[in-house]
Amino acid sequence: MCVEDGSKALRTAVQAYWPNAEIQRCLVHKERNLRGYLRHWGKLARLMKRMRQVEGAEAGREALADLDRFLETKNAAALESLREAGESLITLHKLNV
């Protein structure tokens, strides 16, 4: 298992050396990135906190979907950034860690 910050070079290296590695995107880095697109951070902070706290794959997907719906109405670039990370934001939930 690897936690990474979104660096494509790091992801490529991890996949080259450990092709079966599960990759979790760093939620702190993603939240900071998303904040750069938004004026008001309160709702984003609550949604990210929820994503960190839920347990299990289904709850993780629901939290990710809620964040997606929120960003859909706020900022297209933020939404694209979230979707680029996709389910790698909930790898720990999928592994029940």
PDB file of N, CA and C in Angstrom:
ATOM      1  N   MET A   1       0.831  -1.171   0.000  1.00  0.00           N
ATOM      2  CA  MET A   1       0.000   0.000   0.000  1.00  0.00           C
ATOM      3  C   MET A   1       0.878   1.237   0.000  1.00  0.00           C
ATOM      4  N   CYS A   2       0.451   2.225  -0.756  1.00  0.00           N
ATOM      5  CA  CYS A   2       1.198   3.471  -0.879  1.00  0.00           C
ATOM      6  C   CYS A   2       0.238   4.647  -0.778  1.00  0.00           C
ATOM      7  N   VAL A   3       0.646   5.661  -0.035  1.00  0.00           N
ATOM      8  CA  VAL A   3      -0.097   6.915  -0.005  1.00  0.00           C
ATOM      9  C   VAL A   3       0.728   7.918  -0.781  1.00  0.00           C
ATOM     10  N   GLU A   4       0.104   8.553  -1.754  1.00  0.00           N
ATOM     11  CA  GLU A   4       0.844   9.511  -2.575  1.00  0.00           C
ATOM     12  C   GLU A   4       0.063  10.804  -2.725  1.00  0.00           C
ATOM     13  N   ASP A   5       0.759  11.823  -3.179  1.00  0.00           N
ATOM     14  CA  ASP A   5       0.193  13.171  -3.221  1.00  0.00           C
ATOM     15  C   ASP A   5      -0.344  13.584  -4.583  1.00  0.00           C
ATOM     16  N   GLY A   6      -0.382  12.692  -5.533  1.00  0.00           N
ATOM     17  CA  GLY A   6      -0.883  13.027  -6.857  1.00  0.00           C
ATOM     18  C   GLY A   6       0.202  13.176  -7.894  1.00  0.00           C
ATOM     19  N   SER A   7       1.446  13.038  -7.485  1.00  0.00           N
ATOM     20  CA  SER A   7       2.560  13.140  -8.421  1.00  0.00           C
ATOM     21  C   SER A   7       2.508  11.983  -9.418  1.00  0.00           C
ATOM     22  N   LYS A   8       2.460  12.321 -10.696  1.00  0.00           N
ATOM     23  CA  LYS A   8       2.423  11.276 -11.720  1.00  0.00           C
ATOM     24  C   LYS A   8       3.720  10.481 -11.739  1.00  0.00           C
ATOM     25  N   ALA A   9       4.849  11.145 -11.500  1.00  0.00           N
ATOM     26  CA  ALA A   9       6.139  10.456 -11.478  1.00  0.00           C
ATOM     27  C   ALA A   9       6.188   9.448 -10.339  1.00  0.00           C
ATOM     28  N   LEU A  10       5.684   9.829  -9.170  1.00  0.00           N
ATOM     29  CA  LEU A  10       5.665   8.918  -8.030  1.00  0.00           C
ATOM     30  C   LEU A  10       4.760   7.725  -8.310  1.00  0.00           C
ATOM     31  N   ARG A  11       3.594   7.984  -8.869  1.00  0.00           N
ATOM     32  CA  ARG A  11       2.664   6.890  -9.189  1.00  0.00           C
ATOM     33  C   ARG A  11       3.301   5.922 -10.184  1.00  0.00           C
ATOM     34  N   THR A  12       3.970   6.447 -11.198  1.00  0.00           N
ATOM     35  CA  THR A  12       4.627   5.616 -12.201  1.00  0.00           C
ATOM     36  C   THR A  12       5.708   4.755 -11.554  1.00  0.00           C
ATOM     37  N   ALA A  13       6.498   5.349 -10.660  1.00  0.00           N
ATOM     38  CA  ALA A  13       7.563   4.600  -9.978  1.00  0.00           C
ATOM     39  C   ALA A  13       6.983   3.511  -9.089  1.00  0.00           C
ATOM     40  N   VAL A  14       5.946   3.835  -8.336  1.00  0.00           N
ATOM     41  CA  VAL A  14       5.316   2.831  -7.460  1.00  0.00           C
ATOM     42  C   VAL A  14       4.779   1.679  -8.296  1.00  0.00           C
ATOM     43  N   GLN A  15       4.100   1.993  -9.378  1.00  0.00           N
ATOM     44  CA  GLN A  15       3.526   0.943 -10.214  1.00  0.00           C
ATOM     45  C   GLN A  15       4.601   0.114 -10.904  1.00  0.00           C
ATOM     46  N   ALA A  16       5.749   0.727 -11.204  1.00  0.00           N
ATOM     47  CA  ALA A  16       6.841  -0.018 -11.839  1.00  0.00           C
ATOM     48  C   ALA A  16       7.466  -1.013 -10.867  1.00  0.00           C
ATOM     49  N   TYR A  17       7.644  -0.609  -9.603  1.00  0.00           N
ATOM     50  CA  TYR A  17       8.293  -1.475  -8.619  1.00  0.00           C
ATOM     51  C   TYR A  17       7.323  -2.389  -7.887  1.00  0.00           C
ATOM     52  N   TRP A  18       6.115  -1.914  -7.685  1.00  0.00           N
ATOM     53  CA  TRP A  18       5.104  -2.692  -6.971  1.00  0.00           C
ATOM     54  C   TRP A  18       3.801  -2.650  -7.774  1.00  0.00           C
ATOM     55  N   PRO A  19       3.704  -3.426  -8.840  1.00  0.00           N
ATOM     56  CA  PRO A  19       2.536  -3.334  -9.727  1.00  0.00           C
ATOM     57  C   PRO A  19       1.204  -3.669  -9.054  1.00  0.00           C
ATOM     58  N   ASN A  20       1.238  -4.392  -7.966  1.00  0.00           N
ATOM     59  CA  ASN A  20      -0.001  -4.762  -7.273  1.00  0.00           C
ATOM     60  C   ASN A  20      -0.312  -3.860  -6.090  1.00  0.00           C
ATOM     61  N   ALA A  21       0.441  -2.796  -5.932  1.00  0.00           N
ATOM     62  CA  ALA A  21       0.240  -1.893  -4.796  1.00  0.00           C
ATOM     63  C   ALA A  21      -1.116  -1.209  -4.877  1.00  0.00           C
ATOM     64  N   GLU A  22      -1.733  -1.075  -3.740  1.00  0.00           N
ATOM     65  CA  GLU A  22      -2.953  -0.277  -3.618  1.00  0.00           C
ATOM     66  C   GLU A  22      -2.505   1.150  -3.344  1.00  0.00           C
ATOM     67  N   ILE A  23      -3.044   2.103  -4.074  1.00  0.00           N
ATOM     68  CA  ILE A  23      -2.609   3.489  -3.937  1.00  0.00           C
ATOM     69  C   ILE A  23      -3.736   4.340  -3.376  1.00  0.00           C
ATOM     70  N   GLN A  24      -3.441   4.999  -2.269  1.00  0.00           N
ATOM     71  CA  GLN A  24      -4.366   5.929  -1.622  1.00  0.00           C
ATOM     72  C   GLN A  24      -3.840   7.339  -1.862  1.00  0.00           C
ATOM     73  N   ARG A  25      -4.690   8.203  -2.387  1.00  0.00           N
ATOM     74  CA  ARG A  25      -4.304   9.605  -2.534  1.00  0.00           C
ATOM     75  C   ARG A  25      -4.401  10.282  -1.176  1.00  0.00           C
ATOM     76  N   CYS A  26      -3.481  11.156  -0.899  1.00  0.00           N
ATOM     77  CA  CYS A  26      -3.460  11.894   0.363  1.00  0.00           C
ATOM     78  C   CYS A  26      -4.640  12.868   0.388  1.00  0.00           C
ATOM     79  N   LEU A  27      -5.498  12.699   1.373  1.00  0.00           N
ATOM     80  CA  LEU A  27      -6.679  13.554   1.480  1.00  0.00           C
ATOM     81  C   LEU A  27      -6.318  14.981   1.885  1.00  0.00           C
ATOM     82  N   VAL A  28      -5.243  15.139   2.640  1.00  0.00           N
ATOM     83  CA  VAL A  28      -4.808  16.479   3.028  1.00  0.00           C
ATOM     84  C   VAL A  28      -4.357  17.253   1.793  1.00  0.00           C
ATOM     85  N   HIS A  29      -3.541  16.623   0.952  1.00  0.00           N
ATOM     86  CA  HIS A  29      -3.102  17.282  -0.273  1.00  0.00           C
ATOM     87  C   HIS A  29      -4.288  17.612  -1.186  1.00  0.00           C
ATOM     88  N   LYS A  30      -5.216  16.681  -1.318  1.00  0.00           N
ATOM     89  CA  LYS A  30      -6.363  16.916  -2.196  1.00  0.00           C
ATOM     90  C   LYS A  30      -7.230  18.046  -1.650  1.00  0.00           C
ATOM     91  N   GLU A  31      -7.450  18.078  -0.340  1.00  0.00           N
ATOM     92  CA  GLU A  31      -8.254  19.152   0.228  1.00  0.00           C
ATOM     93  C   GLU A  31      -7.578  20.504   0.006  1.00  0.00           C
ATOM     94  N   ARG A  32      -6.279  20.586   0.213  1.00  0.00           N
ATOM     95  CA  ARG A  32      -5.555  21.842  -0.030  1.00  0.00           C
ATOM     96  C   ARG A  32      -5.684  22.257  -1.491  1.00  0.00           C
ATOM     97  N   ASN A  33      -5.575  21.290  -2.374  1.00  0.00           N
ATOM     98  CA  ASN A  33      -5.703  21.578  -3.804  1.00  0.00           C
ATOM     99  C   ASN A  33      -7.090  22.115  -4.125  1.00  0.00           C
ATOM    100  N   LEU A  34      -8.113  21.483  -3.600  1.00  0.00           N
ATOM    101  CA  LEU A  34      -9.485  21.907  -3.865  1.00  0.00           C
ATOM    102  C   LEU A  34      -9.769  23.291  -3.275  1.00  0.00           C
ATOM    103  N   ARG A  35      -9.180  23.584  -2.135  1.00  0.00           N
ATOM    104  CA  ARG A  35      -9.365  24.903  -1.517  1.00  0.00           C
ATOM    105  C   ARG A  35      -8.899  26.017  -2.448  1.00  0.00           C
ATOM    106  N   GLY A  36      -7.884  25.734  -3.241  1.00  0.00           N
ATOM    107  CA  GLY A  36      -7.369  26.731  -4.162  1.00  0.00           C
ATOM    108  C   GLY A  36      -8.384  27.174  -5.210  1.00  0.00           C
ATOM    109  N   TYR A  37      -9.415  26.366  -5.417  1.00  0.00           N
ATOM    110  CA  TYR A  37     -10.445  26.673  -6.410  1.00  0.00           C
ATOM    111  C   TYR A  37     -11.685  27.341  -5.814  1.00  0.00           C
ATOM    112  N   LEU A  38     -11.802  27.319  -4.492  1.00  0.00           N
ATOM    113  CA  LEU A  38     -13.042  27.751  -3.846  1.00  0.00           C
ATOM    114  C   LEU A  38     -12.834  28.987  -2.968  1.00  0.00           C
ATOM    115  N   ARG A  39     -13.899  29.746  -2.786  1.00  0.00           N
ATOM    116  CA  ARG A  39     -13.851  30.918  -1.909  1.00  0.00           C
ATOM    117  C   ARG A  39     -14.209  30.550  -0.478  1.00  0.00           C
ATOM    118  N   HIS A  40     -15.180  29.692  -0.327  1.00  0.00           N
ATOM    119  CA  HIS A  40     -15.651  29.316   1.009  1.00  0.00           C
ATOM    120  C   HIS A  40     -15.295  27.856   1.269  1.00  0.00           C
ATOM    121  N   TRP A  41     -14.612  27.619   2.347  1.00  0.00           N
ATOM    122  CA  TRP A  41     -14.055  26.291   2.609  1.00  0.00           C
ATOM    123  C   TRP A  41     -14.840  25.464   3.615  1.00  0.00           C
ATOM    124  N   GLY A  42     -15.809  26.071   4.291  1.00  0.00           N
ATOM    125  CA  GLY A  42     -16.507  25.366   5.369  1.00  0.00           C
ATOM    126  C   GLY A  42     -17.146  24.059   4.931  1.00  0.00           C
ATOM    127  N   LYS A  43     -17.940  24.106   3.893  1.00  0.00           N
ATOM    128  CA  LYS A  43     -18.618  22.890   3.408  1.00  0.00           C
ATOM    129  C   LYS A  43     -17.598  21.877   2.905  1.00  0.00           C
ATOM    130  N   LEU A  44     -16.574  22.342   2.207  1.00  0.00           N
ATOM    131  CA  LEU A  44     -15.517  21.442   1.741  1.00  0.00           C
ATOM    132  C   LEU A  44     -14.864  20.743   2.924  1.00  0.00           C
ATOM    133  N   ALA A  45     -14.541  21.494   3.967  1.00  0.00           N
ATOM    134  CA  ALA A  45     -13.903  20.907   5.153  1.00  0.00           C
ATOM    135  C   ALA A  45     -14.791  19.843   5.782  1.00  0.00           C
ATOM    136  N   ARG A  46     -16.090  20.113   5.869  1.00  0.00           N
ATOM    137  CA  ARG A  46     -17.014  19.128   6.452  1.00  0.00           C
ATOM    138  C   ARG A  46     -17.103  17.861   5.599  1.00  0.00           C
ATOM    139  N   LEU A  47     -17.157  18.034   4.281  1.00  0.00           N
ATOM    140  CA  LEU A  47     -17.241  16.876   3.389  1.00  0.00           C
ATOM    141  C   LEU A  47     -15.956  16.054   3.420  1.00  0.00           C
ATOM    142  N   MET A  48     -14.806  16.733   3.480  1.00  0.00           N
ATOM    143  CA  MET A  48     -13.526  16.008   3.547  1.00  0.00           C
ATOM    144  C   MET A  48     -13.391  15.288   4.889  1.00  0.00           C
ATOM    145  N   LYS A  49     -13.823  15.925   5.965  1.00  0.00           N
ATOM    146  CA  LYS A  49     -13.782  15.279   7.281  1.00  0.00           C
ATOM    147  C   LYS A  49     -14.639  14.023   7.268  1.00  0.00           C
ATOM    148  N   ARG A  50     -15.815  14.137   6.675  1.00  0.00           N
ATOM    149  CA  ARG A  50     -16.698  12.965   6.577  1.00  0.00           C
ATOM    150  C   ARG A  50     -16.026  11.852   5.785  1.00  0.00           C
ATOM    151  N   MET A  51     -15.362  12.214   4.678  1.00  0.00           N
ATOM    152  CA  MET A  51     -14.697  11.198   3.869  1.00  0.00           C
ATOM    153  C   MET A  51     -13.600  10.496   4.669  1.00  0.00           C
ATOM    154  N   ARG A  52     -12.919  11.236   5.530  1.00  0.00           N
ATOM    155  CA  ARG A  52     -11.866  10.618   6.352  1.00  0.00           C
ATOM    156  C   ARG A  52     -12.451   9.703   7.420  1.00  0.00           C
ATOM    157  N   GLN A  53     -13.661  10.013   7.888  1.00  0.00           N
ATOM    158  CA  GLN A  53     -14.204   9.299   9.038  1.00  0.00           C
ATOM    159  C   GLN A  53     -15.108   8.114   8.710  1.00  0.00           C
ATOM    160  N   VAL A  54     -15.670   8.077   7.528  1.00  0.00           N
ATOM    161  CA  VAL A  54     -16.574   6.966   7.221  1.00  0.00           C
ATOM    162  C   VAL A  54     -15.805   5.655   7.177  1.00  0.00           C
ATOM    163  N   GLU A  55     -16.543   4.570   7.274  1.00  0.00           N
ATOM    164  CA  GLU A  55     -15.931   3.243   7.247  1.00  0.00           C
ATOM    165  C   GLU A  55     -16.575   2.397   6.162  1.00  0.00           C
ATOM    166  N   GLY A  56     -15.734   1.697   5.420  1.00  0.00           N
ATOM    167  CA  GLY A  56     -16.218   0.782   4.402  1.00  0.00           C
ATOM    168  C   GLY A  56     -16.311   1.414   3.027  1.00  0.00           C
ATOM    169  N   ALA A  57     -16.297   0.557   2.028  1.00  0.00           N
ATOM    170  CA  ALA A  57     -16.282   0.996   0.631  1.00  0.00           C
ATOM    171  C   ALA A  57     -17.544   1.755   0.252  1.00  0.00           C
ATOM    172  N   GLU A  58     -18.700   1.244   0.650  1.00  0.00           N
ATOM    173  CA  GLU A  58     -19.954   1.888   0.272  1.00  0.00           C
ATOM    174  C   GLU A  58     -20.049   3.291   0.880  1.00  0.00           C
ATOM    175  N   ALA A  59     -19.720   3.420   2.144  1.00  0.00           N
ATOM    176  CA  ALA A  59     -19.756   4.731   2.807  1.00  0.00           C
ATOM    177  C   ALA A  59     -18.728   5.670   2.188  1.00  0.00           C
ATOM    178  N   GLY A  60     -17.573   5.139   1.822  1.00  0.00           N
ATOM    179  CA  GLY A  60     -16.555   5.954   1.158  1.00  0.00           C
ATOM    180  C   GLY A  60     -17.038   6.469  -0.183  1.00  0.00           C
ATOM    181  N   ARG A  61     -17.676   5.605  -0.945  1.00  0.00           N
ATOM    182  CA  ARG A  61     -18.219   6.025  -2.251  1.00  0.00           C
ATOM    183  C   ARG A  61     -19.320   7.072  -2.086  1.00  0.00           C
ATOM    184  N   GLU A  62     -20.152   6.910  -1.060  1.00  0.00           N
ATOM    185  CA  GLU A  62     -21.211   7.894  -0.808  1.00  0.00           C
ATOM    186  C   GLU A  62     -20.611   9.249  -0.447  1.00  0.00           C
ATOM    187  N   ALA A  63     -19.589   9.249   0.404  1.00  0.00           N
ATOM    188  CA  ALA A  63     -18.943  10.502   0.792  1.00  0.00           C
ATOM    189  C   ALA A  63     -18.276  11.155  -0.411  1.00  0.00           C
ATOM    190  N   LEU A  64     -17.645  10.356  -1.251  1.00  0.00           N
ATOM    191  CA  LEU A  64     -17.010  10.874  -2.464  1.00  0.00           C
ATOM    192  C   LEU A  64     -18.061  11.443  -3.413  1.00  0.00           C
ATOM    193  N   ALA A  65     -19.190  10.775  -3.541  1.00  0.00           N
ATOM    194  CA  ALA A  65     -20.277  11.255  -4.408  1.00  0.00           C
ATOM    195  C   ALA A  65     -20.849  12.571  -3.885  1.00  0.00           C
ATOM    196  N   ASP A  66     -20.968  12.704  -2.564  1.00  0.00           N
ATOM    197  CA  ASP A  66     -21.463  13.957  -1.984  1.00  0.00           C
ATOM    198  C   ASP A  66     -20.500  15.099  -2.286  1.00  0.00           C
ATOM    199  N   LEU A  67     -19.221  14.836  -2.181  1.00  0.00           N
ATOM    200  CA  LEU A  67     -18.214  15.850  -2.499  1.00  0.00           C
ATOM    201  C   LEU A  67     -18.284  16.215  -3.977  1.00  0.00           C
ATOM    202  N   ASP A  68     -18.456  15.221  -4.832  1.00  0.00           N
ATOM    203  CA  ASP A  68     -18.588  15.448  -6.269  1.00  0.00           C
ATOM    204  C   ASP A  68     -19.785  16.357  -6.562  1.00  0.00           C
ATOM    205  N   ARG A  69     -20.937  16.051  -5.946  1.00  0.00           N
ATOM    206  CA  ARG A  69     -22.144  16.861  -6.161  1.00  0.00           C
ATOM    207  C   ARG A  69     -21.940  18.297  -5.679  1.00  0.00           C
ATOM    208  N   PHE A  70     -21.267  18.470  -4.554  1.00  0.00           N
ATOM    209  CA  PHE A  70     -20.992  19.806  -4.034  1.00  0.00           C
ATOM    210  C   PHE A  70     -20.136  20.600  -5.016  1.00  0.00           C
ATOM    211  N   LEU A  71     -19.056  19.992  -5.492  1.00  0.00           N
ATOM    212  CA  LEU A  71     -18.140  20.704  -6.380  1.00  0.00           C
ATOM    213  C   LEU A  71     -18.765  20.973  -7.748  1.00  0.00           C
ATOM    214  N   GLU A  72     -19.680  20.128  -8.152  1.00  0.00           N
ATOM    215  CA  GLU A  72     -20.345  20.284  -9.447  1.00  0.00           C
ATOM    216  C   GLU A  72     -21.035  21.643  -9.563  1.00  0.00           C
ATOM    217  N   THR A  73     -21.512  22.146  -8.438  1.00  0.00           N
ATOM    218  CA  THR A  73     -22.213  23.434  -8.443  1.00  0.00           C
ATOM    219  C   THR A  73     -21.301  24.611  -8.120  1.00  0.00           C
ATOM    220  N   LYS A  74     -20.036  24.333  -7.798  1.00  0.00           N
ATOM    221  CA  LYS A  74     -19.143  25.400  -7.340  1.00  0.00           C
ATOM    222  C   LYS A  74     -18.062  25.788  -8.340  1.00  0.00           C
ATOM    223  N   ASN A  75     -17.346  24.783  -8.872  1.00  0.00           N
ATOM    224  CA  ASN A  75     -16.189  25.117  -9.699  1.00  0.00           C
ATOM    225  C   ASN A  75     -15.815  23.922 -10.576  1.00  0.00           C
ATOM    226  N   ALA A  76     -15.779  24.140 -11.882  1.00  0.00           N
ATOM    227  CA  ALA A  76     -15.490  23.051 -12.830  1.00  0.00           C
ATOM    228  C   ALA A  76     -14.067  22.514 -12.668  1.00  0.00           C
ATOM    229  N   ALA A  77     -13.112  23.393 -12.409  1.00  0.00           N
ATOM    230  CA  ALA A  77     -11.721  22.935 -12.255  1.00  0.00           C
ATOM    231  C   ALA A  77     -11.563  22.095 -10.984  1.00  0.00           C
ATOM    232  N   ALA A  78     -12.238  22.482  -9.918  1.00  0.00           N
ATOM    233  CA  ALA A  78     -12.200  21.698  -8.679  1.00  0.00           C
ATOM    234  C   ALA A  78     -12.816  20.324  -8.908  1.00  0.00           C
ATOM    235  N   LEU A  79     -13.927  20.303  -9.625  1.00  0.00           N
ATOM    236  CA  LEU A  79     -14.591  19.033  -9.932  1.00  0.00           C
ATOM    237  C   LEU A  79     -13.673  18.144 -10.764  1.00  0.00           C
ATOM    238  N   GLU A  80     -13.015  18.707 -11.746  1.00  0.00           N
ATOM    239  CA  GLU A  80     -12.075  17.942 -12.571  1.00  0.00           C
ATOM    240  C   GLU A  80     -10.931  17.385 -11.724  1.00  0.00           C
ATOM    241  N   SER A  81     -10.427  18.177 -10.794  1.00  0.00           N
ATOM    242  CA  SER A  81      -9.354  17.734  -9.909  1.00  0.00           C
ATOM    243  C   SER A  81      -9.809  16.553  -9.045  1.00  0.00           C
ATOM    244  N   LEU A  82     -11.025  16.654  -8.518  1.00  0.00           N
ATOM    245  CA  LEU A  82     -11.559  15.563  -7.705  1.00  0.00           C
ATOM    246  C   LEU A  82     -11.714  14.304  -8.542  1.00  0.00           C
ATOM    247  N   ARG A  83     -12.290  14.452  -9.718  1.00  0.00           N
ATOM    248  CA  ARG A  83     -12.536  13.288 -10.571  1.00  0.00           C
ATOM    249  C   ARG A  83     -11.232  12.664 -11.064  1.00  0.00           C
ATOM    250  N   GLU A  84     -10.198  13.472 -11.230  1.00  0.00           N
ATOM    251  CA  GLU A  84      -8.886  12.934 -11.623  1.00  0.00           C
ATOM    252  C   GLU A  84      -8.371  11.959 -10.565  1.00  0.00           C
ATOM    253  N   ALA A  85      -8.596  12.285  -9.316  1.00  0.00           N
ATOM    254  CA  ALA A  85      -8.147  11.409  -8.222  1.00  0.00           C
ATOM    255  C   ALA A  85      -9.058  10.194  -8.092  1.00  0.00           C
ATOM    256  N   GLY A  86     -10.352  10.402  -8.300  1.00  0.00           N
ATOM    257  CA  GLY A  86     -11.315   9.313  -8.294  1.00  0.00           C
ATOM    258  C   GLY A  86     -11.301   8.458  -7.041  1.00  0.00           C
ATOM    259  N   GLU A  87     -11.459   7.176  -7.253  1.00  0.00           N
ATOM    260  CA  GLU A  87     -11.566   6.245  -6.130  1.00  0.00           C
ATOM    261  C   GLU A  87     -10.248   6.014  -5.398  1.00  0.00           C
ATOM    262  N   SER A  88      -9.158   6.578  -5.905  1.00  0.00           N
ATOM    263  CA  SER A  88      -7.910   6.463  -5.140  1.00  0.00           C
ATOM    264  C   SER A  88      -8.002   7.287  -3.858  1.00  0.00           C
ATOM    265  N   LEU A  89      -9.027   8.128  -3.740  1.00  0.00           N
ATOM    266  CA  LEU A  89      -9.253   8.869  -2.498  1.00  0.00           C
ATOM    267  C   LEU A  89      -9.903   7.999  -1.421  1.00  0.00           C
ATOM    268  N   ILE A  90     -10.444   6.859  -1.801  1.00  0.00           N
ATOM    269  CA  ILE A  90     -11.126   5.996  -0.827  1.00  0.00           C
ATOM    270  C   ILE A  90     -10.541   4.587  -0.787  1.00  0.00           C
ATOM    271  N   THR A  91      -9.296   4.442  -1.194  1.00  0.00           N
ATOM    272  CA  THR A  91      -8.649   3.119  -1.185  1.00  0.00           C
ATOM    273  C   THR A  91      -8.701   2.491   0.218  1.00  0.00           C
ATOM    274  N   LEU A  92      -8.408   3.278   1.242  1.00  0.00           N
ATOM    275  CA  LEU A  92      -8.434   2.731   2.609  1.00  0.00           C
ATOM    276  C   LEU A  92      -9.812   2.207   2.966  1.00  0.00           C
ATOM    277  N   HIS A  93     -10.839   2.893   2.522  1.00  0.00           N
ATOM    278  CA  HIS A  93     -12.202   2.436   2.810  1.00  0.00           C
ATOM    279  C   HIS A  93     -12.493   1.127   2.058  1.00  0.00           C
ATOM    280  N   LYS A  94     -12.026   1.042   0.835  1.00  0.00           N
ATOM    281  CA  LYS A  94     -12.247  -0.187   0.057  1.00  0.00           C
ATOM    282  C   LYS A  94     -11.513  -1.368   0.684  1.00  0.00           C
ATOM    283  N   LEU A  95     -10.387  -1.084   1.365  1.00  0.00           N
ATOM    284  CA  LEU A  95      -9.620  -2.146   2.024  1.00  0.00           C
ATOM    285  C   LEU A  95     -10.097  -2.397   3.459  1.00  0.00           C
ATOM    286  N   ASN A  96     -11.099  -1.621   3.886  1.00  0.00           N
ATOM    287  CA  ASN A  96     -11.618  -1.715   5.269  1.00  0.00           C
ATOM    288  C   ASN A  96     -10.528  -1.488   6.316  1.00  0.00           C
ATOM    289  N   VAL A  97      -9.684  -0.508   6.032  1.00  0.00           N
ATOM    290  CA  VAL A  97      -8.603  -0.159   6.973  1.00  0.00           C
ATOM    291  C   VAL A  97      -9.084   0.960   7.863  1.00  0.00           C
TER     292      VAL A  97
END
